[in-house]
N, C-alpha and C. Protein backbone atom coordinates (compact mmCIF):
# COMPACT_ATOMS: atom_id res chain seq x y z
N MET A 1 73.27 70.60 204.99
CA MET A 1 72.06 71.11 204.32
C MET A 1 71.08 71.69 205.26
N THR A 2 70.52 72.96 205.02
CA THR A 2 69.54 73.56 205.91
C THR A 2 68.30 72.75 205.88
N THR A 3 67.39 73.16 206.87
CA THR A 3 66.03 72.48 206.90
C THR A 3 65.32 72.83 205.65
N ALA A 4 65.45 74.16 205.26
CA ALA A 4 64.62 74.58 204.02
C ALA A 4 65.15 73.87 202.84
N SER A 5 66.43 73.73 202.74
CA SER A 5 67.13 72.99 201.57
C SER A 5 66.65 71.53 201.49
N ALA A 6 66.59 70.95 202.71
CA ALA A 6 66.25 69.57 202.74
C ALA A 6 64.78 69.42 202.32
N ALA A 7 63.98 70.33 202.71
CA ALA A 7 62.54 70.33 202.33
C ALA A 7 62.36 70.46 200.78
N SER A 8 63.17 71.38 200.30
CA SER A 8 63.17 71.64 198.88
C SER A 8 63.57 70.43 198.08
N ALA A 9 64.54 69.69 198.63
CA ALA A 9 65.10 68.53 197.98
C ALA A 9 64.07 67.37 198.05
N SER A 10 63.24 67.33 199.07
CA SER A 10 62.38 66.16 199.33
C SER A 10 61.10 66.25 198.64
N TYR A 11 60.64 67.55 198.36
CA TYR A 11 59.30 67.66 197.82
C TYR A 11 59.36 68.35 196.40
N PRO A 12 58.59 67.95 195.47
CA PRO A 12 58.61 68.56 194.16
C PRO A 12 57.98 69.98 194.29
N ALA A 13 58.37 70.83 193.23
CA ALA A 13 57.87 72.10 193.10
C ALA A 13 56.36 72.10 192.98
N ALA A 14 55.64 73.24 193.39
CA ALA A 14 54.29 73.28 193.35
C ALA A 14 53.78 73.05 191.88
N SER A 15 54.45 73.64 190.97
CA SER A 15 54.00 73.51 189.58
C SER A 15 54.01 72.06 189.11
N GLU A 16 55.11 71.23 189.57
CA GLU A 16 55.21 69.84 189.24
C GLU A 16 54.03 69.04 189.93
N THR A 17 53.66 69.40 191.19
CA THR A 17 52.58 68.69 191.87
C THR A 17 51.29 68.84 191.20
N ILE A 18 51.12 70.20 190.79
CA ILE A 18 49.86 70.47 190.14
C ILE A 18 49.78 69.75 188.76
N ASP A 19 50.87 69.73 188.05
CA ASP A 19 50.99 69.15 186.77
C ASP A 19 50.78 67.63 186.87
N ALA A 20 51.42 67.03 187.90
CA ALA A 20 51.25 65.52 188.08
C ALA A 20 49.69 65.26 188.36
N ALA A 21 49.10 66.08 189.16
CA ALA A 21 47.66 65.81 189.60
C ALA A 21 46.82 65.91 188.39
N GLN A 22 47.03 66.90 187.57
CA GLN A 22 46.18 67.09 186.31
C GLN A 22 46.35 65.93 185.46
N GLU A 23 47.43 65.32 185.30
CA GLU A 23 47.61 64.18 184.44
C GLU A 23 47.02 63.03 185.00
N ARG A 24 46.85 62.88 186.42
CA ARG A 24 46.26 61.72 187.02
C ARG A 24 44.69 61.73 187.02
N LYS A 25 44.16 62.96 186.53
CA LYS A 25 42.68 62.97 186.68
C LYS A 25 41.99 62.10 185.64
N ALA A 26 42.59 61.73 184.60
CA ALA A 26 41.98 60.85 183.72
C ALA A 26 42.86 59.63 183.34
N PRO A 27 42.88 58.65 184.22
CA PRO A 27 43.82 57.46 184.00
C PRO A 27 43.66 56.90 182.61
N GLY A 28 44.66 56.48 182.08
CA GLY A 28 44.67 55.83 180.79
C GLY A 28 44.49 56.69 179.47
N ARG A 29 44.34 58.03 179.80
CA ARG A 29 44.18 58.88 178.60
C ARG A 29 45.45 59.00 177.86
N PRO A 30 45.51 59.30 176.56
CA PRO A 30 46.62 59.46 175.75
C PRO A 30 47.56 60.53 176.26
N ARG A 31 48.77 60.47 176.14
CA ARG A 31 49.72 61.48 176.39
C ARG A 31 49.42 62.78 175.73
N ASN A 32 49.59 63.90 176.31
CA ASN A 32 49.33 65.21 175.73
C ASN A 32 50.33 65.45 174.53
N ALA A 33 49.79 65.48 173.41
CA ALA A 33 50.80 65.63 172.22
C ALA A 33 51.35 67.08 172.21
N GLN A 34 50.52 68.02 172.67
CA GLN A 34 50.97 69.38 172.78
C GLN A 34 52.23 69.54 173.70
N ALA A 35 52.07 68.89 174.86
CA ALA A 35 53.10 68.85 175.83
C ALA A 35 54.35 68.23 175.29
N ASP A 36 54.29 67.08 174.56
CA ASP A 36 55.43 66.38 173.98
C ASP A 36 56.15 67.34 172.93
N GLU A 37 55.33 67.96 172.20
CA GLU A 37 55.92 68.88 171.08
C GLU A 37 56.61 70.05 171.72
N ALA A 38 55.96 70.58 172.77
CA ALA A 38 56.60 71.75 173.38
C ALA A 38 57.90 71.32 174.11
N ILE A 39 58.02 70.17 174.73
CA ILE A 39 59.27 69.70 175.30
C ILE A 39 60.35 69.51 174.28
N LEU A 40 59.98 68.88 173.12
CA LEU A 40 61.03 68.60 172.17
C LEU A 40 61.50 69.81 171.51
N ASP A 41 60.52 70.77 171.23
CA ASP A 41 60.86 72.08 170.66
C ASP A 41 61.75 72.86 171.64
N ALA A 42 61.51 72.72 172.86
CA ALA A 42 62.34 73.36 173.88
C ALA A 42 63.83 72.90 173.78
N VAL A 43 63.92 71.54 173.65
CA VAL A 43 65.24 71.09 173.57
C VAL A 43 66.07 71.55 172.45
N LEU A 44 65.39 71.57 171.19
CA LEU A 44 65.92 72.03 169.95
C LEU A 44 66.26 73.55 169.98
N GLY A 45 65.35 74.22 170.69
CA GLY A 45 65.55 75.72 170.78
C GLY A 45 66.64 75.97 171.62
N LEU A 46 67.01 75.32 172.64
CA LEU A 46 68.17 75.51 173.50
C LEU A 46 69.45 75.17 172.72
N LEU A 47 69.34 74.07 171.98
CA LEU A 47 70.53 73.62 171.17
C LEU A 47 70.87 74.73 170.16
N SER A 48 69.88 75.14 169.40
CA SER A 48 70.05 76.14 168.35
C SER A 48 70.53 77.41 168.85
N GLU A 49 70.39 77.72 170.05
CA GLU A 49 70.97 79.05 170.64
C GLU A 49 72.47 78.90 171.03
N GLY A 50 72.96 77.60 170.85
CA GLY A 50 74.33 77.36 171.13
C GLY A 50 74.65 76.71 172.39
N LEU A 51 73.56 76.34 173.18
CA LEU A 51 73.87 75.56 174.45
C LEU A 51 74.26 74.20 174.12
N SER A 52 75.31 73.65 174.71
CA SER A 52 75.85 72.40 174.43
C SER A 52 74.81 71.31 174.99
N ALA A 53 74.92 70.21 174.40
CA ALA A 53 74.03 69.02 174.76
C ALA A 53 74.25 68.73 176.28
N ALA A 54 75.57 68.79 176.72
CA ALA A 54 75.90 68.50 178.19
C ALA A 54 75.29 69.58 179.02
N ALA A 55 75.13 70.85 178.54
CA ALA A 55 74.61 71.89 179.36
C ALA A 55 73.04 71.98 179.36
N VAL A 56 72.44 71.26 178.43
CA VAL A 56 70.93 71.21 178.45
C VAL A 56 70.47 70.46 179.65
N SER A 57 69.71 71.07 180.55
CA SER A 57 69.17 70.44 181.66
C SER A 57 67.68 70.26 181.64
N ILE A 58 67.22 69.26 182.42
CA ILE A 58 65.78 68.95 182.50
C ILE A 58 65.06 70.26 183.04
N GLU A 59 65.68 70.90 184.00
CA GLU A 59 65.11 72.15 184.55
C GLU A 59 64.96 73.24 183.41
N ALA A 60 65.95 73.45 182.61
CA ALA A 60 65.88 74.42 181.52
C ALA A 60 64.87 74.08 180.49
N VAL A 61 64.71 72.80 180.16
CA VAL A 61 63.79 72.40 179.17
C VAL A 61 62.36 72.56 179.75
N ALA A 62 62.16 72.20 180.98
CA ALA A 62 60.83 72.41 181.61
C ALA A 62 60.42 73.76 181.61
N ALA A 63 61.40 74.73 182.03
CA ALA A 63 61.08 76.16 182.07
C ALA A 63 60.67 76.75 180.69
N ARG A 64 61.47 76.27 179.66
CA ARG A 64 61.17 76.86 178.29
C ARG A 64 59.79 76.28 177.81
N ALA A 65 59.62 74.99 178.03
CA ALA A 65 58.34 74.35 177.61
C ALA A 65 57.06 74.72 178.48
N GLY A 66 57.34 75.26 179.51
CA GLY A 66 56.16 75.71 180.32
C GLY A 66 55.46 74.46 181.02
N VAL A 67 56.34 73.39 181.35
CA VAL A 67 55.78 72.28 182.07
C VAL A 67 56.66 71.99 183.26
N GLY A 68 56.16 71.17 184.10
CA GLY A 68 56.91 70.68 185.29
C GLY A 68 57.96 69.65 184.91
N LYS A 69 58.91 69.47 185.70
CA LYS A 69 59.97 68.36 185.49
C LYS A 69 59.25 67.02 185.51
N ALA A 70 58.22 66.89 186.28
CA ALA A 70 57.60 65.60 186.51
C ALA A 70 56.90 65.13 185.08
N THR A 71 56.42 66.14 184.45
CA THR A 71 55.94 65.81 183.05
C THR A 71 56.97 65.22 182.17
N ILE A 72 58.06 65.77 182.20
CA ILE A 72 59.22 65.34 181.25
C ILE A 72 59.59 63.93 181.72
N TYR A 73 59.74 63.63 182.99
CA TYR A 73 60.15 62.40 183.55
C TYR A 73 59.19 61.30 183.32
N ARG A 74 57.89 61.65 183.14
CA ARG A 74 56.85 60.68 182.82
C ARG A 74 57.03 60.16 181.41
N ARG A 75 57.65 61.01 180.59
CA ARG A 75 57.69 60.69 179.20
C ARG A 75 59.11 60.12 178.77
N TRP A 76 60.19 60.54 179.45
CA TRP A 76 61.50 60.18 179.15
C TRP A 76 62.25 59.84 180.42
N PRO A 77 62.89 58.71 180.55
CA PRO A 77 63.54 58.23 181.81
C PRO A 77 64.78 59.07 182.13
N ASN A 78 65.36 59.62 181.09
CA ASN A 78 66.57 60.54 181.49
C ASN A 78 66.85 61.53 180.24
N LYS A 79 67.86 62.28 180.47
CA LYS A 79 68.15 63.40 179.42
C LYS A 79 68.59 62.82 178.15
N ASP A 80 69.32 61.67 178.20
CA ASP A 80 69.81 61.15 176.97
C ASP A 80 68.56 60.65 176.08
N ALA A 81 67.63 60.02 176.69
CA ALA A 81 66.47 59.52 175.90
C ALA A 81 65.69 60.80 175.25
N LEU A 82 65.68 61.84 176.10
CA LEU A 82 64.99 63.09 175.65
C LEU A 82 65.73 63.57 174.44
N LEU A 83 67.13 63.76 174.53
CA LEU A 83 67.94 64.26 173.47
C LEU A 83 67.79 63.49 172.15
N MET A 84 67.78 62.18 172.32
CA MET A 84 67.56 61.15 171.14
C MET A 84 66.29 61.40 170.44
N ASP A 85 65.15 61.56 171.25
CA ASP A 85 63.87 61.79 170.62
C ASP A 85 63.91 63.09 169.96
N ALA A 86 64.52 64.16 170.57
CA ALA A 86 64.60 65.51 169.86
C ALA A 86 65.19 65.43 168.57
N ILE A 87 66.42 64.67 168.49
CA ILE A 87 67.14 64.64 167.32
C ILE A 87 66.33 63.79 166.29
N ARG A 88 65.71 62.74 166.71
CA ARG A 88 64.91 62.06 165.75
C ARG A 88 63.75 62.81 165.21
N GLY A 89 63.03 63.71 166.07
CA GLY A 89 62.08 64.47 165.63
C GLY A 89 62.56 65.66 164.72
N MET A 90 63.75 66.07 164.93
CA MET A 90 64.29 67.16 164.02
C MET A 90 64.49 66.55 162.62
N LYS A 91 64.78 65.31 162.55
CA LYS A 91 65.15 64.62 161.19
C LYS A 91 63.72 64.39 160.47
N GLY A 92 62.71 64.19 161.28
CA GLY A 92 61.38 63.95 160.65
C GLY A 92 61.23 62.34 160.33
N PRO A 93 60.14 62.16 159.75
CA PRO A 93 59.78 60.60 159.51
C PRO A 93 60.73 60.14 158.31
N LEU A 94 60.92 58.79 158.32
CA LEU A 94 61.79 58.19 157.32
C LEU A 94 61.08 58.37 155.92
N PRO A 95 61.88 58.73 154.93
CA PRO A 95 61.26 58.83 153.58
C PRO A 95 60.99 57.37 153.07
N GLU A 96 60.00 57.31 152.12
CA GLU A 96 59.51 56.03 151.56
C GLU A 96 59.74 56.18 149.99
N PRO A 97 60.81 55.56 149.55
CA PRO A 97 61.06 55.57 148.09
C PRO A 97 59.92 54.78 147.31
N VAL A 98 59.59 55.28 146.17
CA VAL A 98 58.52 54.67 145.47
C VAL A 98 58.97 53.35 144.84
N GLY A 99 60.20 53.22 144.42
CA GLY A 99 60.76 51.96 143.96
C GLY A 99 60.74 51.79 142.44
N GLU A 100 60.31 52.78 141.63
CA GLU A 100 60.23 52.60 140.18
C GLU A 100 61.54 52.99 139.48
N SER A 101 62.17 53.94 139.98
CA SER A 101 63.42 54.39 139.35
C SER A 101 64.47 54.85 140.37
N VAL A 102 65.70 54.30 140.23
CA VAL A 102 66.79 54.70 141.18
C VAL A 102 67.01 56.28 141.19
N ARG A 103 67.08 56.79 140.02
CA ARG A 103 67.23 58.24 139.88
C ARG A 103 66.08 58.95 140.56
N ASP A 104 64.95 58.72 140.37
CA ASP A 104 63.80 59.43 141.01
C ASP A 104 63.80 59.25 142.55
N ASP A 105 64.04 58.05 143.00
CA ASP A 105 64.18 57.72 144.40
C ASP A 105 65.32 58.57 145.12
N LEU A 106 66.49 58.57 144.52
CA LEU A 106 67.62 59.40 145.00
C LEU A 106 67.32 60.81 145.06
N ILE A 107 66.63 61.32 144.02
CA ILE A 107 66.28 62.76 144.05
C ILE A 107 65.32 62.90 145.17
N ALA A 108 64.38 62.14 145.33
CA ALA A 108 63.38 62.32 146.47
C ALA A 108 64.06 62.27 147.83
N LEU A 109 65.06 61.46 147.96
CA LEU A 109 65.74 61.35 149.19
C LEU A 109 66.55 62.57 149.47
N VAL A 110 67.23 63.07 148.46
CA VAL A 110 68.04 64.39 148.65
C VAL A 110 67.13 65.59 149.01
N LYS A 111 65.93 65.63 148.37
CA LYS A 111 64.96 66.64 148.57
C LYS A 111 64.45 66.52 150.05
N ALA A 112 64.18 65.29 150.42
CA ALA A 112 63.71 65.16 151.85
C ALA A 112 64.77 65.62 152.88
N ASN A 113 65.97 65.52 152.63
CA ASN A 113 66.94 66.10 153.53
C ASN A 113 67.21 67.57 153.34
N ARG A 114 66.56 68.20 152.35
CA ARG A 114 66.72 69.64 152.18
C ARG A 114 65.28 70.33 152.26
N SER A 115 64.48 69.69 152.94
CA SER A 115 63.08 70.20 153.13
C SER A 115 63.10 71.47 154.09
N GLY A 116 61.95 72.07 154.21
CA GLY A 116 61.70 73.15 155.11
C GLY A 116 62.11 72.77 156.46
N ARG A 117 61.80 71.58 156.84
CA ARG A 117 62.07 71.06 158.13
C ARG A 117 63.50 71.07 158.44
N ALA A 118 64.28 70.49 157.41
CA ALA A 118 65.67 70.43 157.56
C ALA A 118 66.32 71.74 157.62
N LYS A 119 65.85 72.68 156.90
CA LYS A 119 66.46 74.12 156.98
C LYS A 119 66.25 74.72 158.33
N ARG A 120 64.96 74.43 158.79
CA ARG A 120 64.66 75.07 160.09
C ARG A 120 65.64 74.56 161.21
N TYR A 121 66.03 73.32 161.10
CA TYR A 121 66.88 72.79 162.16
C TYR A 121 68.36 72.71 161.89
N SER A 122 68.74 73.28 160.75
CA SER A 122 70.14 73.30 160.35
C SER A 122 71.09 73.90 161.30
N GLN A 123 70.58 74.88 162.02
CA GLN A 123 71.37 75.55 163.03
C GLN A 123 71.70 74.58 164.23
N VAL A 124 70.62 73.75 164.56
CA VAL A 124 70.87 72.87 165.63
C VAL A 124 71.94 71.84 165.14
N THR A 125 71.90 71.24 164.02
CA THR A 125 72.87 70.32 163.51
C THR A 125 74.28 70.97 163.51
N ALA A 126 74.40 72.30 163.08
CA ALA A 126 75.69 72.93 163.13
C ALA A 126 76.27 73.06 164.57
N CYS A 127 75.29 73.32 165.52
CA CYS A 127 75.82 73.36 166.83
C CYS A 127 76.14 72.01 167.40
N LEU A 128 75.55 71.05 166.95
CA LEU A 128 75.81 69.57 167.49
C LEU A 128 77.04 69.01 166.92
N ILE A 129 77.48 69.45 165.71
CA ILE A 129 78.62 68.76 165.11
C ILE A 129 79.90 68.79 165.93
N PRO A 130 80.36 69.98 166.48
CA PRO A 130 81.56 69.90 167.27
C PRO A 130 81.39 69.02 168.49
N GLU A 131 80.21 68.97 169.09
CA GLU A 131 79.97 68.07 170.10
C GLU A 131 80.18 66.56 169.87
N LEU A 132 79.64 66.31 168.58
CA LEU A 132 79.73 64.86 168.14
C LEU A 132 81.16 64.36 168.19
N LEU A 133 82.02 65.29 167.96
CA LEU A 133 83.50 64.89 167.80
C LEU A 133 84.09 64.82 169.22
N ARG A 134 83.48 65.33 170.19
CA ARG A 134 84.04 65.30 171.53
C ARG A 134 83.37 64.26 172.46
N ASP A 135 82.04 64.01 172.20
CA ASP A 135 81.19 63.26 173.04
C ASP A 135 80.81 61.92 172.49
N ASP A 136 81.48 60.85 172.97
CA ASP A 136 81.17 59.59 172.33
C ASP A 136 79.74 59.21 172.56
N ASN A 137 79.16 59.53 173.64
CA ASN A 137 77.72 59.11 173.88
C ASN A 137 76.84 59.80 172.93
N LEU A 138 77.09 61.09 172.72
CA LEU A 138 76.21 61.85 171.87
C LEU A 138 76.41 61.37 170.35
N PHE A 139 77.63 61.01 169.98
CA PHE A 139 77.92 60.47 168.73
C PHE A 139 77.25 59.27 168.45
N GLU A 140 77.15 58.32 169.49
CA GLU A 140 76.43 57.03 169.35
C GLU A 140 74.82 57.36 169.20
N MET A 141 74.34 58.30 169.90
CA MET A 141 72.97 58.70 169.74
C MET A 141 72.65 59.19 168.36
N TRP A 142 73.51 59.97 167.87
CA TRP A 142 73.41 60.49 166.49
C TRP A 142 73.34 59.47 165.40
N GLN A 143 74.28 58.46 165.58
CA GLN A 143 74.39 57.36 164.62
C GLN A 143 73.12 56.52 164.70
N THR A 144 72.66 56.23 165.99
CA THR A 144 71.42 55.54 166.11
C THR A 144 70.23 56.16 165.32
N VAL A 145 70.17 57.48 165.35
CA VAL A 145 69.10 58.11 164.61
C VAL A 145 69.36 58.07 163.07
N MET A 146 70.57 58.24 162.73
CA MET A 146 70.92 58.33 161.27
C MET A 146 70.98 56.98 160.48
N GLU A 147 71.25 55.95 161.23
CA GLU A 147 71.51 54.65 160.55
C GLU A 147 70.17 54.09 159.79
N PRO A 148 68.98 54.32 160.45
CA PRO A 148 67.78 53.93 159.65
C PRO A 148 67.60 54.82 158.45
N ARG A 149 68.00 55.98 158.37
CA ARG A 149 67.91 56.89 157.27
C ARG A 149 68.91 56.40 156.16
N ARG A 150 70.11 55.98 156.59
CA ARG A 150 71.01 55.60 155.60
C ARG A 150 70.55 54.28 155.08
N ASP A 151 69.89 53.44 155.89
CA ASP A 151 69.44 52.15 155.34
C ASP A 151 68.44 52.35 154.20
N VAL A 152 67.69 53.34 154.18
CA VAL A 152 66.75 53.69 153.13
C VAL A 152 67.56 53.85 151.83
N THR A 153 68.56 54.71 151.87
CA THR A 153 69.45 54.99 150.76
C THR A 153 70.12 53.71 150.31
N ARG A 154 70.62 52.89 151.25
CA ARG A 154 71.28 51.70 150.91
C ARG A 154 70.39 50.74 150.12
N GLY A 155 69.06 50.69 150.57
CA GLY A 155 68.10 49.84 149.85
C GLY A 155 67.92 50.31 148.45
N VAL A 156 67.79 51.54 148.22
CA VAL A 156 67.65 52.10 146.81
C VAL A 156 68.86 51.76 145.96
N LEU A 157 70.06 51.93 146.52
CA LEU A 157 71.27 51.60 145.75
C LEU A 157 71.41 50.16 145.44
N ARG A 158 71.08 49.26 146.43
CA ARG A 158 71.22 47.85 146.17
C ARG A 158 70.10 47.32 145.19
N ARG A 159 68.96 47.87 145.27
CA ARG A 159 67.97 47.59 144.20
C ARG A 159 68.42 47.97 142.85
N GLY A 160 69.20 49.08 142.83
CA GLY A 160 69.65 49.59 141.54
C GLY A 160 70.83 48.59 141.01
N VAL A 161 71.63 48.13 141.91
CA VAL A 161 72.64 47.16 141.44
C VAL A 161 71.92 45.78 141.03
N GLU A 162 70.97 45.34 141.74
CA GLU A 162 70.30 44.08 141.39
C GLU A 162 69.52 44.11 140.10
N ASN A 163 68.93 45.26 139.80
CA ASN A 163 68.16 45.36 138.52
C ASN A 163 68.99 45.95 137.31
N GLY A 164 70.16 46.16 137.53
CA GLY A 164 71.05 46.59 136.46
C GLY A 164 71.11 48.05 136.24
N GLU A 165 70.47 48.86 137.05
CA GLU A 165 70.52 50.36 136.78
C GLU A 165 71.79 50.91 137.28
N LEU A 166 72.43 50.26 138.15
CA LEU A 166 73.74 50.66 138.69
C LEU A 166 74.83 49.66 138.48
N ARG A 167 76.04 50.07 138.43
CA ARG A 167 77.22 49.24 138.18
C ARG A 167 77.29 48.07 139.26
N ALA A 168 77.73 46.92 138.91
CA ALA A 168 77.78 45.81 139.82
C ALA A 168 78.88 45.93 140.89
N ASP A 169 79.84 46.69 140.68
CA ASP A 169 80.91 46.88 141.62
C ASP A 169 80.75 48.07 142.53
N LEU A 170 79.53 48.69 142.51
CA LEU A 170 79.31 49.92 143.16
C LEU A 170 79.64 49.72 144.77
N ASP A 171 80.39 50.58 145.32
CA ASP A 171 80.74 50.72 146.77
C ASP A 171 79.45 51.32 147.33
N ILE A 172 78.68 50.57 148.07
CA ILE A 172 77.42 51.13 148.56
C ILE A 172 77.65 52.13 149.65
N GLU A 173 78.58 51.84 150.64
CA GLU A 173 78.77 52.90 151.70
C GLU A 173 79.45 54.07 151.21
N MET A 174 80.24 54.06 150.25
CA MET A 174 80.90 55.24 149.68
C MET A 174 79.69 56.01 148.90
N ALA A 175 78.88 55.29 148.30
CA ALA A 175 77.78 55.91 147.43
C ALA A 175 76.77 56.67 148.46
N VAL A 176 76.47 56.06 149.59
CA VAL A 176 75.62 56.64 150.61
C VAL A 176 76.23 57.93 151.00
N LEU A 177 77.51 57.94 151.27
CA LEU A 177 78.18 59.06 151.75
C LEU A 177 78.16 60.26 150.68
N MET A 178 78.32 59.87 149.41
CA MET A 178 78.27 60.86 148.38
C MET A 178 76.88 61.42 148.12
N MET A 179 75.83 60.62 148.48
CA MET A 179 74.50 61.05 148.40
C MET A 179 73.98 61.92 149.52
N THR A 180 74.75 61.83 150.66
CA THR A 180 74.19 62.55 151.79
C THR A 180 75.19 63.75 152.28
N ALA A 181 76.43 63.56 152.25
CA ALA A 181 77.26 64.57 152.79
C ALA A 181 77.31 65.91 152.03
N PRO A 182 77.38 65.95 150.72
CA PRO A 182 77.40 67.27 150.00
C PRO A 182 76.15 68.01 150.27
N SER A 183 74.96 67.21 150.27
CA SER A 183 73.67 67.98 150.48
C SER A 183 73.66 68.46 151.85
N MET A 184 74.09 67.71 152.93
CA MET A 184 73.96 68.21 154.29
C MET A 184 74.94 69.43 154.53
N VAL A 185 76.11 69.35 154.01
CA VAL A 185 77.06 70.36 154.27
C VAL A 185 76.66 71.69 153.62
N HIS A 186 76.29 71.43 152.31
CA HIS A 186 75.82 72.72 151.58
C HIS A 186 74.53 73.37 152.20
N GLY A 187 73.63 72.48 152.53
CA GLY A 187 72.36 73.00 153.09
C GLY A 187 72.60 73.62 154.42
N MET A 188 73.48 73.15 155.30
CA MET A 188 73.72 73.74 156.58
C MET A 188 74.63 74.85 156.65
N LEU A 189 75.65 74.89 155.81
CA LEU A 189 76.66 75.90 155.84
C LEU A 189 76.67 76.90 154.56
N ARG A 190 75.84 76.52 153.61
CA ARG A 190 75.72 77.32 152.34
C ARG A 190 77.26 77.27 151.67
N TRP A 191 77.75 76.08 151.65
CA TRP A 191 79.23 75.87 151.39
C TRP A 191 79.61 76.46 150.03
N ALA A 192 78.77 76.22 149.13
CA ALA A 192 79.09 76.63 147.77
C ALA A 192 78.02 77.59 147.26
N PRO A 193 78.25 78.90 147.55
CA PRO A 193 77.12 79.86 147.25
C PRO A 193 76.84 79.97 145.75
N LYS A 194 77.73 79.60 144.92
CA LYS A 194 77.49 79.75 143.35
C LYS A 194 76.63 78.48 142.94
N VAL A 195 76.48 77.49 143.70
CA VAL A 195 75.64 76.43 143.38
C VAL A 195 74.18 76.70 143.56
N PRO A 196 73.39 76.80 142.58
CA PRO A 196 71.94 77.19 142.79
C PRO A 196 71.13 76.24 143.59
N GLU A 197 70.17 76.67 144.37
CA GLU A 197 69.26 75.82 145.03
C GLU A 197 68.32 75.13 144.14
N GLU A 198 67.84 75.84 143.20
CA GLU A 198 66.89 75.23 142.35
C GLU A 198 67.56 74.10 141.47
N GLY A 199 67.04 72.96 141.49
CA GLY A 199 67.58 71.80 140.71
C GLY A 199 68.77 71.15 141.36
N PHE A 200 69.04 71.54 142.63
CA PHE A 200 70.15 71.05 143.36
C PHE A 200 70.16 69.50 143.44
N ALA A 201 68.99 68.93 143.90
CA ALA A 201 68.86 67.50 144.02
C ALA A 201 69.17 66.77 142.73
N GLU A 202 68.47 67.28 141.60
CA GLU A 202 68.60 66.64 140.31
C GLU A 202 70.14 66.65 139.87
N SER A 203 70.81 67.76 140.14
CA SER A 203 72.14 68.01 139.58
C SER A 203 73.13 67.05 140.36
N LEU A 204 72.88 66.91 141.71
CA LEU A 204 73.78 66.10 142.54
C LEU A 204 73.50 64.59 142.05
N VAL A 205 72.36 64.13 141.97
CA VAL A 205 72.08 62.80 141.54
C VAL A 205 72.56 62.49 140.20
N ASP A 206 72.36 63.36 139.37
CA ASP A 206 72.94 63.12 137.95
C ASP A 206 74.45 63.04 137.91
N ALA A 207 75.14 63.83 138.70
CA ALA A 207 76.52 63.84 138.75
C ALA A 207 77.05 62.54 139.27
N PHE A 208 76.31 62.05 140.31
CA PHE A 208 76.59 60.75 140.95
C PHE A 208 76.33 59.57 139.91
N LEU A 209 75.32 59.62 139.24
CA LEU A 209 74.96 58.64 138.34
C LEU A 209 75.88 58.53 137.07
N ARG A 210 76.62 59.62 136.79
CA ARG A 210 77.53 59.59 135.68
C ARG A 210 78.64 58.49 135.95
N GLY A 211 78.91 58.25 137.19
CA GLY A 211 80.03 57.37 137.54
C GLY A 211 79.39 56.10 138.06
N ALA A 212 78.12 56.10 138.42
CA ALA A 212 77.56 54.81 139.12
C ALA A 212 76.72 54.11 138.34
N ALA A 213 76.10 54.74 137.20
CA ALA A 213 75.25 54.05 136.36
C ALA A 213 75.87 52.79 135.54
N ALA A 214 75.04 51.78 135.32
CA ALA A 214 75.60 50.63 134.76
C ALA A 214 75.98 50.94 133.24
């Protein structure tokens, strides 16, 4: 390694040093939400352009977000943690069922997964799917993000079984799959172009309930 290379490896870039100094000016102040959003958007932007999760680097994210690498590492200990937060942010907050009607709650959950936010990031999901099949670590991260969302649907279905709205022998896990997979695939790939967007959630839930209702 040359002297210049050694110096480059030993000291952070000027932009990172300035960035770090700026954040140290006010000890204890809250994290910059704009920087957080810019960083997460940068990750999703790179993924939506077809860059693999393995190829996404902290350097590329920093350059796209307009921050120094030090800013990223103060927020996330490594790239895996950053990727997980980006995927979690892409999915948005967990929906909160009202709890008065299984049908209404299921429709609300389907609509939440077909929101403008979901459509915005559908390309990211499409790019990630092949990688989920090849990368066990990424697959586990995806499952970690998705399980709490599936738990919300499980809760609605179990409540329906308990109060008699749904049949007692309902296979909860199969029902969760039926409530999520068609909506996800159709929304992401426009799988069935003859199926209208208007009233999609209601039609899907009613079709499910014809077999699942008590």
